[in-house]
Amino acid sequence: MIRILLVDDQYLVREGLRSLLQAKPDIEVIGEAENGKVAVEQALSLQPDVVLMDVRMPVMDGVAATRTLHQQVPEIKVLVLTTFDDDEYVAQAIRSGAKGYLLKDTPSQELAEAIRAVHKGYTQLGPGLLEKVMITTVAVKPPPELAQLTPREQEVLQLIATGCSNREIAKVLYISERTVKNHVNSILSRLNLRDRTQAAIFATTLQRNE
């Protein structure tokens, strides 16, 4: 069961989301919050698996709340769900630790699938949002550090871009999960990236510009 915390300043939105998600047999809404400050307090108390986070809210916005949660309880995944597709909002949310960014017009089935994917550690971005993140977070010109990656690390990076987990990468390359983890850590260090999300965006950018 995936335990969800709903965060939105509009009660009707939270009520609608609760109704949609509670209909899913593997999703349980365990709490709600009307702003980022309450969201952080609720998350620390309830320990949800995934926080469904709005962006524009009073007291503390969703980006600040996401950043705080990522710093204090990084195991809790944040999936931003908002009406705003502004480039900077998307980039800030991802830089702050969000594992996904969707718009509120996302169909309920796709939202449920995104929650499941984020819960597993995959990155989820709505249609057209990947380009916005790439433009604002990753330089188009490949950095010289890319040449420092070994051929195996480049293979791992390409698989990260497809959304593969460490276990899946290990199966594809016939290596252990520990070895994959070592490769991932090396890639992040060599490319000066924060996490797998940035690595996936980086790799996708390179593929688009080849």
N, C-alpha and C. Protein backbone atom coordinates (compact mmCIF):
# COMPACT_ATOMS: atom_id res chain seq x y z
N MET A 1 0.84 -1.20 0.00
CA MET A 1 0.00 0.00 0.00
C MET A 1 0.88 1.25 0.00
N ILE A 2 0.61 2.15 -0.93
CA ILE A 2 1.36 3.41 -1.02
C ILE A 2 0.63 4.47 -0.22
N ARG A 3 1.29 5.01 0.79
CA ARG A 3 0.67 5.97 1.70
C ARG A 3 0.93 7.39 1.19
N ILE A 4 -0.14 8.16 1.00
CA ILE A 4 -0.07 9.48 0.35
C ILE A 4 -0.45 10.61 1.30
N LEU A 5 0.30 11.71 1.22
CA LEU A 5 -0.07 12.95 1.89
C LEU A 5 -0.42 13.96 0.81
N LEU A 6 -1.64 14.51 0.87
CA LEU A 6 -2.10 15.50 -0.11
C LEU A 6 -1.82 16.90 0.40
N VAL A 7 -1.19 17.72 -0.46
CA VAL A 7 -0.86 19.09 -0.06
C VAL A 7 -1.37 20.06 -1.12
N ASP A 8 -2.37 20.85 -0.77
CA ASP A 8 -2.94 21.84 -1.67
C ASP A 8 -3.72 22.84 -0.83
N ASP A 9 -3.65 24.12 -1.18
CA ASP A 9 -4.34 25.13 -0.38
C ASP A 9 -5.84 25.18 -0.65
N GLN A 10 -6.32 24.46 -1.65
CA GLN A 10 -7.75 24.44 -1.95
C GLN A 10 -8.38 23.13 -1.46
N TYR A 11 -9.34 23.28 -0.57
CA TYR A 11 -10.00 22.11 0.02
C TYR A 11 -10.66 21.23 -1.04
N LEU A 12 -11.34 21.86 -2.00
CA LEU A 12 -12.05 21.10 -3.02
C LEU A 12 -11.09 20.26 -3.87
N VAL A 13 -9.89 20.81 -4.12
CA VAL A 13 -8.89 20.04 -4.88
C VAL A 13 -8.46 18.82 -4.07
N ARG A 14 -8.19 19.03 -2.79
CA ARG A 14 -7.78 17.91 -1.94
C ARG A 14 -8.89 16.86 -1.87
N GLU A 15 -10.12 17.31 -1.74
CA GLU A 15 -11.25 16.39 -1.66
C GLU A 15 -11.38 15.57 -2.95
N GLY A 16 -11.21 16.25 -4.08
CA GLY A 16 -11.30 15.55 -5.36
C GLY A 16 -10.19 14.53 -5.53
N LEU A 17 -8.97 14.91 -5.15
CA LEU A 17 -7.84 14.00 -5.26
C LEU A 17 -8.01 12.80 -4.33
N ARG A 18 -8.48 13.07 -3.12
CA ARG A 18 -8.70 11.98 -2.17
C ARG A 18 -9.70 10.98 -2.75
N SER A 19 -10.77 11.48 -3.32
CA SER A 19 -11.80 10.61 -3.88
C SER A 19 -11.25 9.76 -5.03
N LEU A 20 -10.45 10.40 -5.89
CA LEU A 20 -9.87 9.67 -7.03
C LEU A 20 -8.88 8.60 -6.58
N LEU A 21 -8.01 8.98 -5.64
CA LEU A 21 -6.92 8.07 -5.25
C LEU A 21 -7.39 6.96 -4.33
N GLN A 22 -8.38 7.24 -3.49
CA GLN A 22 -8.87 6.21 -2.59
C GLN A 22 -9.54 5.07 -3.35
N ALA A 23 -9.90 5.33 -4.60
CA ALA A 23 -10.52 4.28 -5.42
C ALA A 23 -9.49 3.28 -5.92
N LYS A 24 -8.21 3.62 -5.79
CA LYS A 24 -7.14 2.72 -6.22
C LYS A 24 -6.83 1.74 -5.09
N PRO A 25 -6.81 0.45 -5.37
CA PRO A 25 -6.62 -0.54 -4.30
C PRO A 25 -5.27 -0.51 -3.61
N ASP A 26 -4.26 0.07 -4.27
CA ASP A 26 -2.92 0.07 -3.70
C ASP A 26 -2.48 1.44 -3.19
N ILE A 27 -3.43 2.40 -3.11
CA ILE A 27 -3.09 3.75 -2.67
C ILE A 27 -4.00 4.14 -1.50
N GLU A 28 -3.39 4.71 -0.46
CA GLU A 28 -4.13 5.15 0.71
C GLU A 28 -3.75 6.59 1.05
N VAL A 29 -4.72 7.48 1.15
CA VAL A 29 -4.48 8.86 1.55
C VAL A 29 -4.51 8.92 3.07
N ILE A 30 -3.37 9.24 3.68
CA ILE A 30 -3.28 9.20 5.14
C ILE A 30 -3.34 10.58 5.79
N GLY A 31 -3.31 11.65 4.96
CA GLY A 31 -3.35 12.98 5.54
C GLY A 31 -3.45 14.06 4.49
N GLU A 32 -3.76 15.28 4.96
CA GLU A 32 -3.86 16.43 4.07
C GLU A 32 -3.20 17.63 4.73
N ALA A 33 -2.76 18.58 3.90
CA ALA A 33 -2.17 19.81 4.40
C ALA A 33 -2.52 20.94 3.45
N GLU A 34 -2.74 22.14 4.02
CA GLU A 34 -3.16 23.29 3.22
C GLU A 34 -2.03 24.22 2.84
N ASN A 35 -0.83 23.97 3.34
CA ASN A 35 0.33 24.77 2.95
C ASN A 35 1.61 23.98 3.22
N GLY A 36 2.74 24.52 2.76
CA GLY A 36 4.00 23.80 2.89
C GLY A 36 4.44 23.56 4.31
N LYS A 37 4.18 24.51 5.19
CA LYS A 37 4.59 24.37 6.59
C LYS A 37 3.87 23.21 7.25
N VAL A 38 2.56 23.16 7.05
CA VAL A 38 1.78 22.05 7.61
C VAL A 38 2.19 20.74 6.94
N ALA A 39 2.52 20.79 5.65
CA ALA A 39 2.93 19.59 4.93
C ALA A 39 4.18 18.98 5.56
N VAL A 40 5.16 19.82 5.88
CA VAL A 40 6.39 19.33 6.50
C VAL A 40 6.07 18.70 7.86
N GLU A 41 5.24 19.38 8.65
CA GLU A 41 4.87 18.85 9.97
C GLU A 41 4.15 17.52 9.84
N GLN A 42 3.21 17.44 8.91
CA GLN A 42 2.45 16.22 8.70
C GLN A 42 3.34 15.09 8.19
N ALA A 43 4.24 15.43 7.28
CA ALA A 43 5.13 14.41 6.72
C ALA A 43 6.05 13.83 7.79
N LEU A 44 6.57 14.69 8.64
CA LEU A 44 7.45 14.22 9.71
C LEU A 44 6.70 13.34 10.70
N SER A 45 5.42 13.65 10.90
CA SER A 45 4.60 12.90 11.84
C SER A 45 4.06 11.60 11.25
N LEU A 46 3.51 11.69 10.04
CA LEU A 46 2.83 10.55 9.43
C LEU A 46 3.75 9.64 8.62
N GLN A 47 4.89 10.17 8.17
CA GLN A 47 5.84 9.40 7.37
C GLN A 47 5.18 8.75 6.15
N PRO A 48 4.60 9.55 5.25
CA PRO A 48 3.99 8.99 4.03
C PRO A 48 5.07 8.47 3.09
N ASP A 49 4.66 7.67 2.13
CA ASP A 49 5.60 7.21 1.11
C ASP A 49 5.79 8.29 0.05
N VAL A 50 4.68 8.94 -0.32
CA VAL A 50 4.71 9.96 -1.37
C VAL A 50 3.90 11.18 -0.91
N VAL A 51 4.45 12.36 -1.15
CA VAL A 51 3.72 13.61 -0.89
C VAL A 51 3.32 14.20 -2.23
N LEU A 52 2.02 14.42 -2.42
CA LEU A 52 1.51 15.05 -3.63
C LEU A 52 1.44 16.54 -3.34
N MET A 53 2.34 17.32 -3.92
CA MET A 53 2.60 18.69 -3.49
C MET A 53 2.20 19.74 -4.53
N ASP A 54 1.40 20.72 -4.09
CA ASP A 54 1.10 21.88 -4.93
C ASP A 54 2.29 22.84 -4.86
N VAL A 55 2.35 23.83 -5.76
CA VAL A 55 3.47 24.77 -5.77
C VAL A 55 3.13 26.07 -5.05
N ARG A 56 2.15 26.79 -5.57
CA ARG A 56 1.78 28.08 -4.98
C ARG A 56 0.82 27.88 -3.81
N MET A 57 1.33 28.17 -2.60
CA MET A 57 0.52 28.06 -1.39
C MET A 57 0.96 29.13 -0.41
N PRO A 58 0.07 29.54 0.51
CA PRO A 58 0.45 30.54 1.52
C PRO A 58 1.38 29.94 2.58
N VAL A 59 1.97 30.81 3.38
CA VAL A 59 2.84 30.45 4.51
C VAL A 59 4.18 29.89 4.02
N MET A 60 4.15 28.75 3.36
CA MET A 60 5.35 28.15 2.75
C MET A 60 4.93 27.50 1.45
N ASP A 61 5.61 27.84 0.34
CA ASP A 61 5.21 27.26 -0.95
C ASP A 61 5.73 25.83 -1.10
N GLY A 62 5.31 25.19 -2.18
CA GLY A 62 5.65 23.80 -2.39
C GLY A 62 7.12 23.54 -2.64
N VAL A 63 7.80 24.48 -3.27
CA VAL A 63 9.22 24.32 -3.55
C VAL A 63 10.02 24.32 -2.24
N ALA A 64 9.72 25.27 -1.37
CA ALA A 64 10.41 25.34 -0.08
C ALA A 64 10.12 24.11 0.77
N ALA A 65 8.87 23.66 0.74
CA ALA A 65 8.50 22.47 1.50
C ALA A 65 9.21 21.23 0.96
N THR A 66 9.29 21.14 -0.36
CA THR A 66 9.99 20.02 -0.98
C THR A 66 11.46 20.00 -0.59
N ARG A 67 12.08 21.17 -0.61
CA ARG A 67 13.49 21.28 -0.22
C ARG A 67 13.70 20.84 1.23
N THR A 68 12.81 21.28 2.11
CA THR A 68 12.92 20.92 3.52
C THR A 68 12.76 19.42 3.72
N LEU A 69 11.77 18.84 3.07
CA LEU A 69 11.55 17.40 3.19
C LEU A 69 12.72 16.60 2.63
N HIS A 70 13.26 17.06 1.50
CA HIS A 70 14.39 16.35 0.89
C HIS A 70 15.60 16.36 1.82
N GLN A 71 15.78 17.44 2.55
CA GLN A 71 16.91 17.56 3.47
C GLN A 71 16.70 16.75 4.74
N GLN A 72 15.47 16.73 5.23
CA GLN A 72 15.20 16.09 6.52
C GLN A 72 14.79 14.63 6.41
N VAL A 73 14.00 14.31 5.40
CA VAL A 73 13.54 12.91 5.23
C VAL A 73 13.59 12.55 3.74
N PRO A 74 14.79 12.39 3.19
CA PRO A 74 14.94 12.14 1.76
C PRO A 74 14.26 10.87 1.27
N GLU A 75 13.93 9.96 2.19
CA GLU A 75 13.25 8.72 1.76
C GLU A 75 11.80 8.97 1.36
N ILE A 76 11.23 10.11 1.78
CA ILE A 76 9.87 10.46 1.38
C ILE A 76 9.92 11.09 -0.01
N LYS A 77 9.20 10.53 -0.95
CA LYS A 77 9.21 11.03 -2.33
C LYS A 77 8.18 12.15 -2.49
N VAL A 78 8.55 13.19 -3.22
CA VAL A 78 7.65 14.30 -3.49
C VAL A 78 7.30 14.33 -4.97
N LEU A 79 6.01 14.33 -5.26
CA LEU A 79 5.51 14.46 -6.62
C LEU A 79 4.71 15.75 -6.69
N VAL A 80 5.20 16.72 -7.44
CA VAL A 80 4.52 18.01 -7.56
C VAL A 80 3.33 17.86 -8.51
N LEU A 81 2.19 18.38 -8.06
CA LEU A 81 0.98 18.38 -8.89
C LEU A 81 0.39 19.78 -8.83
N THR A 82 0.45 20.51 -9.94
CA THR A 82 0.07 21.91 -9.93
C THR A 82 -0.51 22.34 -11.26
N THR A 83 -1.03 23.54 -11.31
CA THR A 83 -1.55 24.09 -12.56
C THR A 83 -0.49 24.90 -13.29
N PHE A 84 0.68 25.11 -12.65
CA PHE A 84 1.71 25.99 -13.20
C PHE A 84 2.82 25.19 -13.88
N ASP A 85 3.06 25.49 -15.18
CA ASP A 85 4.13 24.81 -15.90
C ASP A 85 5.27 25.77 -16.23
N ASP A 86 5.38 26.85 -15.44
CA ASP A 86 6.45 27.82 -15.62
C ASP A 86 7.81 27.13 -15.53
N ASP A 87 8.71 27.49 -16.45
CA ASP A 87 10.03 26.85 -16.52
C ASP A 87 10.74 26.84 -15.17
N GLU A 88 10.74 28.00 -14.50
CA GLU A 88 11.49 28.12 -13.26
C GLU A 88 10.87 27.30 -12.14
N TYR A 89 9.53 27.23 -12.11
CA TYR A 89 8.87 26.40 -11.09
C TYR A 89 9.29 24.94 -11.26
N VAL A 90 9.26 24.47 -12.50
CA VAL A 90 9.62 23.08 -12.76
C VAL A 90 11.06 22.82 -12.34
N ALA A 91 11.97 23.68 -12.77
CA ALA A 91 13.39 23.50 -12.47
C ALA A 91 13.66 23.58 -10.98
N GLN A 92 13.06 24.55 -10.30
CA GLN A 92 13.27 24.70 -8.86
C GLN A 92 12.77 23.48 -8.10
N ALA A 93 11.63 22.97 -8.50
CA ALA A 93 11.08 21.80 -7.82
C ALA A 93 12.00 20.60 -7.96
N ILE A 94 12.50 20.36 -9.17
CA ILE A 94 13.40 19.23 -9.39
C ILE A 94 14.72 19.44 -8.64
N ARG A 95 15.26 20.66 -8.70
CA ARG A 95 16.50 20.94 -7.97
C ARG A 95 16.32 20.78 -6.47
N SER A 96 15.11 21.03 -5.99
CA SER A 96 14.84 20.94 -4.56
C SER A 96 14.61 19.51 -4.08
N GLY A 97 14.55 18.58 -5.02
CA GLY A 97 14.43 17.18 -4.63
C GLY A 97 13.16 16.47 -5.06
N ALA A 98 12.27 17.16 -5.78
CA ALA A 98 11.04 16.51 -6.24
C ALA A 98 11.39 15.39 -7.23
N LYS A 99 10.67 14.29 -7.14
CA LYS A 99 10.89 13.16 -8.03
C LYS A 99 9.99 13.21 -9.26
N GLY A 100 9.10 14.19 -9.28
CA GLY A 100 8.22 14.31 -10.43
C GLY A 100 7.48 15.62 -10.43
N TYR A 101 6.94 15.98 -11.60
CA TYR A 101 6.22 17.25 -11.75
C TYR A 101 5.13 17.03 -12.78
N LEU A 102 3.89 17.08 -12.34
CA LEU A 102 2.74 16.87 -13.22
C LEU A 102 1.78 18.05 -13.12
N LEU A 103 0.98 18.22 -14.14
CA LEU A 103 -0.05 19.25 -14.13
C LEU A 103 -1.38 18.65 -13.69
N LYS A 104 -2.25 19.50 -13.15
CA LYS A 104 -3.50 19.01 -12.56
C LYS A 104 -4.49 18.48 -13.59
N ASP A 105 -4.22 18.71 -14.86
CA ASP A 105 -5.11 18.14 -15.87
C ASP A 105 -4.68 16.73 -16.28
N THR A 106 -3.71 16.17 -15.55
CA THR A 106 -3.27 14.80 -15.82
C THR A 106 -4.42 13.83 -15.52
N PRO A 107 -4.75 12.92 -16.43
CA PRO A 107 -5.82 11.94 -16.18
C PRO A 107 -5.55 11.14 -14.91
N SER A 108 -6.60 10.76 -14.21
CA SER A 108 -6.46 10.09 -12.92
C SER A 108 -5.65 8.80 -13.00
N GLN A 109 -5.82 8.04 -14.08
CA GLN A 109 -5.07 6.79 -14.22
C GLN A 109 -3.58 7.07 -14.37
N GLU A 110 -3.25 8.11 -15.15
CA GLU A 110 -1.84 8.47 -15.33
C GLU A 110 -1.25 9.00 -14.03
N LEU A 111 -2.05 9.73 -13.26
CA LEU A 111 -1.59 10.23 -11.96
C LEU A 111 -1.26 9.06 -11.04
N ALA A 112 -2.14 8.08 -11.01
CA ALA A 112 -1.91 6.90 -10.17
C ALA A 112 -0.64 6.17 -10.59
N GLU A 113 -0.44 6.03 -11.91
CA GLU A 113 0.76 5.37 -12.41
C GLU A 113 2.02 6.16 -12.04
N ALA A 114 1.91 7.49 -12.10
CA ALA A 114 3.05 8.34 -11.74
C ALA A 114 3.39 8.18 -10.26
N ILE A 115 2.37 8.10 -9.43
CA ILE A 115 2.60 7.89 -7.99
C ILE A 115 3.32 6.57 -7.76
N ARG A 116 2.88 5.54 -8.45
CA ARG A 116 3.52 4.22 -8.30
C ARG A 116 4.97 4.27 -8.76
N ALA A 117 5.21 4.97 -9.86
CA ALA A 117 6.58 5.06 -10.40
C ALA A 117 7.49 5.84 -9.47
N VAL A 118 7.00 6.97 -8.97
CA VAL A 118 7.78 7.79 -8.04
C VAL A 118 8.08 7.01 -6.77
N HIS A 119 7.10 6.25 -6.30
CA HIS A 119 7.29 5.42 -5.11
C HIS A 119 8.43 4.42 -5.31
N LYS A 120 8.59 3.95 -6.55
CA LYS A 120 9.67 3.00 -6.86
C LYS A 120 11.01 3.69 -7.09
N GLY A 121 10.98 5.03 -7.13
CA GLY A 121 12.23 5.76 -7.32
C GLY A 121 12.43 6.33 -8.71
N TYR A 122 11.46 6.15 -9.60
CA TYR A 122 11.58 6.69 -10.95
C TYR A 122 11.19 8.16 -10.98
N THR A 123 11.69 8.87 -11.98
CA THR A 123 11.35 10.27 -12.17
C THR A 123 10.18 10.39 -13.13
N GLN A 124 9.23 11.26 -12.81
CA GLN A 124 8.05 11.43 -13.64
C GLN A 124 7.86 12.90 -13.99
N LEU A 125 7.84 13.22 -15.28
CA LEU A 125 7.59 14.57 -15.74
C LEU A 125 6.47 14.56 -16.76
N GLY A 126 5.53 15.50 -16.62
CA GLY A 126 4.41 15.58 -17.55
C GLY A 126 4.86 15.95 -18.94
N PRO A 127 3.98 15.79 -19.94
CA PRO A 127 4.31 16.11 -21.33
C PRO A 127 4.82 17.54 -21.49
N GLY A 128 5.96 17.69 -22.16
CA GLY A 128 6.52 19.02 -22.42
C GLY A 128 7.34 19.59 -21.29
N LEU A 129 7.34 18.94 -20.13
CA LEU A 129 8.05 19.51 -18.98
C LEU A 129 9.53 19.13 -18.96
N LEU A 130 9.87 18.01 -19.59
CA LEU A 130 11.28 17.61 -19.62
C LEU A 130 12.13 18.68 -20.29
N GLU A 131 11.63 19.22 -21.39
CA GLU A 131 12.39 20.25 -22.11
C GLU A 131 12.62 21.47 -21.24
N LYS A 132 11.62 21.83 -20.44
CA LYS A 132 11.74 22.99 -19.56
C LYS A 132 12.83 22.76 -18.52
N VAL A 133 12.88 21.55 -17.98
CA VAL A 133 13.90 21.23 -16.99
C VAL A 133 15.28 21.25 -17.62
N MET A 134 15.39 20.68 -18.82
CA MET A 134 16.69 20.62 -19.49
C MET A 134 17.22 22.01 -19.78
N ILE A 135 16.34 22.90 -20.22
CA ILE A 135 16.76 24.25 -20.58
C ILE A 135 17.30 25.00 -19.39
N THR A 136 16.67 24.81 -18.23
CA THR A 136 17.01 25.62 -17.06
C THR A 136 17.97 24.96 -16.08
N THR A 137 18.24 23.66 -16.23
CA THR A 137 19.10 23.00 -15.25
C THR A 137 20.37 22.39 -15.83
N VAL A 138 20.40 22.16 -17.13
CA VAL A 138 21.57 21.49 -17.71
C VAL A 138 22.06 22.25 -18.93
N ALA A 139 23.31 22.50 -19.00
CA ALA A 139 23.88 23.18 -20.16
C ALA A 139 23.74 22.29 -21.38
N VAL A 140 23.45 22.88 -22.53
CA VAL A 140 23.28 22.11 -23.75
C VAL A 140 24.60 21.52 -24.20
N LYS A 141 25.67 22.26 -24.05
CA LYS A 141 26.98 21.77 -24.46
C LYS A 141 27.50 20.77 -23.44
N PRO A 142 27.86 19.55 -23.87
CA PRO A 142 28.34 18.54 -22.94
C PRO A 142 29.59 19.03 -22.21
N PRO A 143 29.66 18.87 -20.91
CA PRO A 143 30.82 19.33 -20.15
C PRO A 143 32.02 18.43 -20.41
N PRO A 144 33.24 18.93 -20.21
CA PRO A 144 34.43 18.12 -20.45
C PRO A 144 34.51 16.91 -19.54
N GLU A 145 33.80 16.97 -18.38
CA GLU A 145 33.85 15.85 -17.44
C GLU A 145 33.27 14.57 -18.05
N LEU A 146 32.43 14.72 -19.09
CA LEU A 146 31.81 13.55 -19.70
C LEU A 146 32.87 12.59 -20.23
N ALA A 147 33.98 13.14 -20.72
CA ALA A 147 35.05 12.32 -21.28
C ALA A 147 35.73 11.48 -20.19
N GLN A 148 35.52 11.85 -18.92
CA GLN A 148 36.14 11.11 -17.82
C GLN A 148 35.38 9.83 -17.48
N LEU A 149 34.15 9.72 -17.97
CA LEU A 149 33.37 8.52 -17.68
C LEU A 149 33.93 7.32 -18.44
N THR A 150 33.97 6.19 -17.78
CA THR A 150 34.40 4.97 -18.44
C THR A 150 33.29 4.49 -19.36
N PRO A 151 33.59 3.62 -20.31
CA PRO A 151 32.54 3.09 -21.18
C PRO A 151 31.39 2.46 -20.38
N ARG A 152 31.73 1.75 -19.30
CA ARG A 152 30.69 1.13 -18.48
C ARG A 152 29.83 2.19 -17.80
N GLU A 153 30.45 3.25 -17.31
CA GLU A 153 29.70 4.33 -16.67
C GLU A 153 28.78 5.02 -17.66
N GLN A 154 29.23 5.14 -18.91
CA GLN A 154 28.37 5.73 -19.93
C GLN A 154 27.15 4.84 -20.20
N GLU A 155 27.35 3.53 -20.16
CA GLU A 155 26.23 2.60 -20.34
C GLU A 155 25.23 2.75 -19.19
N VAL A 156 25.77 2.84 -17.98
CA VAL A 156 24.92 3.00 -16.80
C VAL A 156 24.13 4.30 -16.90
N LEU A 157 24.80 5.36 -17.32
CA LEU A 157 24.15 6.67 -17.46
C LEU A 157 22.99 6.60 -18.46
N GLN A 158 23.20 5.92 -19.57
CA GLN A 158 22.14 5.78 -20.58
C GLN A 158 20.94 5.02 -20.02
N LEU A 159 21.21 4.00 -19.20
CA LEU A 159 20.12 3.22 -18.61
C LEU A 159 19.39 4.01 -17.53
N ILE A 160 20.11 4.86 -16.81
CA ILE A 160 19.47 5.74 -15.84
C ILE A 160 18.47 6.64 -16.55
N ALA A 161 18.85 7.10 -17.74
CA ALA A 161 17.98 8.00 -18.52
C ALA A 161 16.68 7.33 -18.92
N THR A 162 16.69 6.01 -19.04
CA THR A 162 15.46 5.29 -19.40
C THR A 162 14.58 5.00 -18.20
N GLY A 163 15.07 5.35 -17.00
CA GLY A 163 14.28 5.13 -15.79
C GLY A 163 14.56 3.82 -15.10
N CYS A 164 15.62 3.11 -15.50
CA CYS A 164 15.94 1.82 -14.89
C CYS A 164 16.42 1.99 -13.46
N SER A 165 16.01 1.08 -12.60
CA SER A 165 16.51 1.04 -11.23
C SER A 165 17.88 0.36 -11.22
N ASN A 166 18.56 0.40 -10.07
CA ASN A 166 19.86 -0.27 -9.96
C ASN A 166 19.73 -1.76 -10.26
N ARG A 167 18.65 -2.36 -9.76
CA ARG A 167 18.45 -3.80 -9.98
C ARG A 167 18.28 -4.09 -11.47
N GLU A 168 17.50 -3.27 -12.15
CA GLU A 168 17.28 -3.48 -13.58
C GLU A 168 18.55 -3.26 -14.38
N ILE A 169 19.34 -2.25 -14.00
CA ILE A 169 20.62 -2.00 -14.67
C ILE A 169 21.55 -3.20 -14.48
N ALA A 170 21.56 -3.73 -13.27
CA ALA A 170 22.41 -4.88 -12.97
C ALA A 170 22.06 -6.07 -13.86
N LYS A 171 20.75 -6.29 -14.07
CA LYS A 171 20.32 -7.41 -14.91
C LYS A 171 20.71 -7.20 -16.37
N VAL A 172 20.55 -5.97 -16.84
CA VAL A 172 20.88 -5.67 -18.24
C VAL A 172 22.37 -5.83 -18.51
N LEU A 173 23.21 -5.36 -17.58
CA LEU A 173 24.66 -5.36 -17.79
C LEU A 173 25.36 -6.58 -17.17
N TYR A 174 24.56 -7.45 -16.53
CA TYR A 174 25.12 -8.66 -15.92
C TYR A 174 26.21 -8.33 -14.89
N ILE A 175 25.90 -7.37 -14.03
CA ILE A 175 26.80 -7.02 -12.93
C ILE A 175 25.98 -6.95 -11.65
N SER A 176 26.63 -6.83 -10.51
CA SER A 176 25.91 -6.80 -9.23
C SER A 176 25.31 -5.42 -8.97
N GLU A 177 24.30 -5.38 -8.10
CA GLU A 177 23.69 -4.10 -7.74
C GLU A 177 24.71 -3.21 -7.03
N ARG A 178 25.60 -3.82 -6.24
CA ARG A 178 26.63 -3.04 -5.56
C ARG A 178 27.54 -2.34 -6.57
N THR A 179 27.88 -3.06 -7.64
CA THR A 179 28.72 -2.47 -8.68
C THR A 179 27.98 -1.33 -9.38
N VAL A 180 26.70 -1.53 -9.62
CA VAL A 180 25.90 -0.45 -10.24
C VAL A 180 25.89 0.77 -9.35
N LYS A 181 25.68 0.57 -8.06
CA LYS A 181 25.65 1.68 -7.12
C LYS A 181 26.97 2.44 -7.13
N ASN A 182 28.08 1.69 -7.21
CA ASN A 182 29.40 2.34 -7.27
C ASN A 182 29.54 3.17 -8.55
N HIS A 183 29.05 2.63 -9.67
CA HIS A 183 29.10 3.36 -10.94
C HIS A 183 28.26 4.64 -10.85
N VAL A 184 27.06 4.53 -10.27
CA VAL A 184 26.18 5.70 -10.15
C VAL A 184 26.84 6.78 -9.31
N ASN A 185 27.42 6.39 -8.19
CA ASN A 185 28.10 7.37 -7.33
C ASN A 185 29.26 8.04 -8.06
N SER A 186 29.98 7.26 -8.84
CA SER A 186 31.09 7.80 -9.61
C SER A 186 30.60 8.79 -10.67
N ILE A 187 29.50 8.43 -11.34
CA ILE A 187 28.93 9.30 -12.38
C ILE A 187 28.51 10.64 -11.77
N LEU A 188 27.81 10.59 -10.65
CA LEU A 188 27.34 11.82 -10.01
C LEU A 188 28.52 12.69 -9.59
N SER A 189 29.56 12.05 -9.08
CA SER A 189 30.74 12.80 -8.63
C SER A 189 31.48 13.43 -9.81
N ARG A 190 31.71 12.65 -10.86
CA ARG A 190 32.47 13.15 -12.02
C ARG A 190 31.73 14.27 -12.76
N LEU A 191 30.40 14.16 -12.82
CA LEU A 191 29.61 15.15 -13.56
C LEU A 191 29.06 16.26 -12.66
N ASN A 192 29.39 16.18 -11.39
CA ASN A 192 28.95 17.19 -10.43
C ASN A 192 27.43 17.32 -10.42
N LEU A 193 26.76 16.17 -10.37
CA LEU A 193 25.30 16.12 -10.33
C LEU A 193 24.85 15.70 -8.94
N ARG A 194 23.63 16.15 -8.55
CA ARG A 194 23.18 15.89 -7.19
C ARG A 194 22.62 14.48 -7.00
N ASP A 195 21.83 14.01 -7.98
CA ASP A 195 21.15 12.74 -7.80
C ASP A 195 20.79 12.12 -9.15
N ARG A 196 20.09 11.00 -9.10
CA ARG A 196 19.73 10.27 -10.31
C ARG A 196 18.82 11.09 -11.22
N THR A 197 17.98 11.93 -10.62
CA THR A 197 17.09 12.76 -11.43
C THR A 197 17.89 13.66 -12.35
N GLN A 198 18.88 14.35 -11.79
CA GLN A 198 19.72 15.23 -12.61
C GLN A 198 20.52 14.42 -13.62
N ALA A 199 20.95 13.22 -13.22
CA ALA A 199 21.70 12.37 -14.15
C ALA A 199 20.82 11.97 -15.34
N ALA A 200 19.55 11.63 -15.06
CA ALA A 200 18.63 11.25 -16.13
C ALA A 200 18.38 12.42 -17.07
N ILE A 201 18.20 13.60 -16.51
CA ILE A 201 17.98 14.80 -17.33
C ILE A 201 19.21 15.09 -18.17
N PHE A 202 20.38 14.99 -17.55
CA PHE A 202 21.64 15.23 -18.24
C PHE A 202 21.79 14.29 -19.43
N ALA A 203 21.55 13.00 -19.20
CA ALA A 203 21.72 12.00 -20.26
C ALA A 203 20.70 12.22 -21.38
N THR A 204 19.47 12.56 -21.02
CA THR A 204 18.46 12.82 -22.03
C THR A 204 18.81 14.03 -22.88
N THR A 205 19.39 15.04 -22.25
CA THR A 205 19.82 16.23 -22.96
C THR A 205 20.88 15.89 -24.01
N LEU A 206 21.83 15.06 -23.61
CA LEU A 206 22.89 14.66 -24.54
C LEU A 206 22.30 13.92 -25.74
N GLN A 207 21.35 13.02 -25.46
CA GLN A 207 20.75 12.23 -26.54
C GLN A 207 19.99 13.14 -27.51
N ARG A 208 19.31 14.15 -26.97
CA ARG A 208 18.52 15.07 -27.81
C ARG A 208 19.42 15.93 -28.69
N ASN A 209 20.67 16.15 -28.25
CA ASN A 209 21.55 17.06 -28.97
C ASN A 209 22.62 16.35 -29.78
N GLU A 210 22.53 15.03 -29.86
CA GLU A 210 23.48 14.28 -30.67
C GLU A 210 23.17 14.45 -32.16
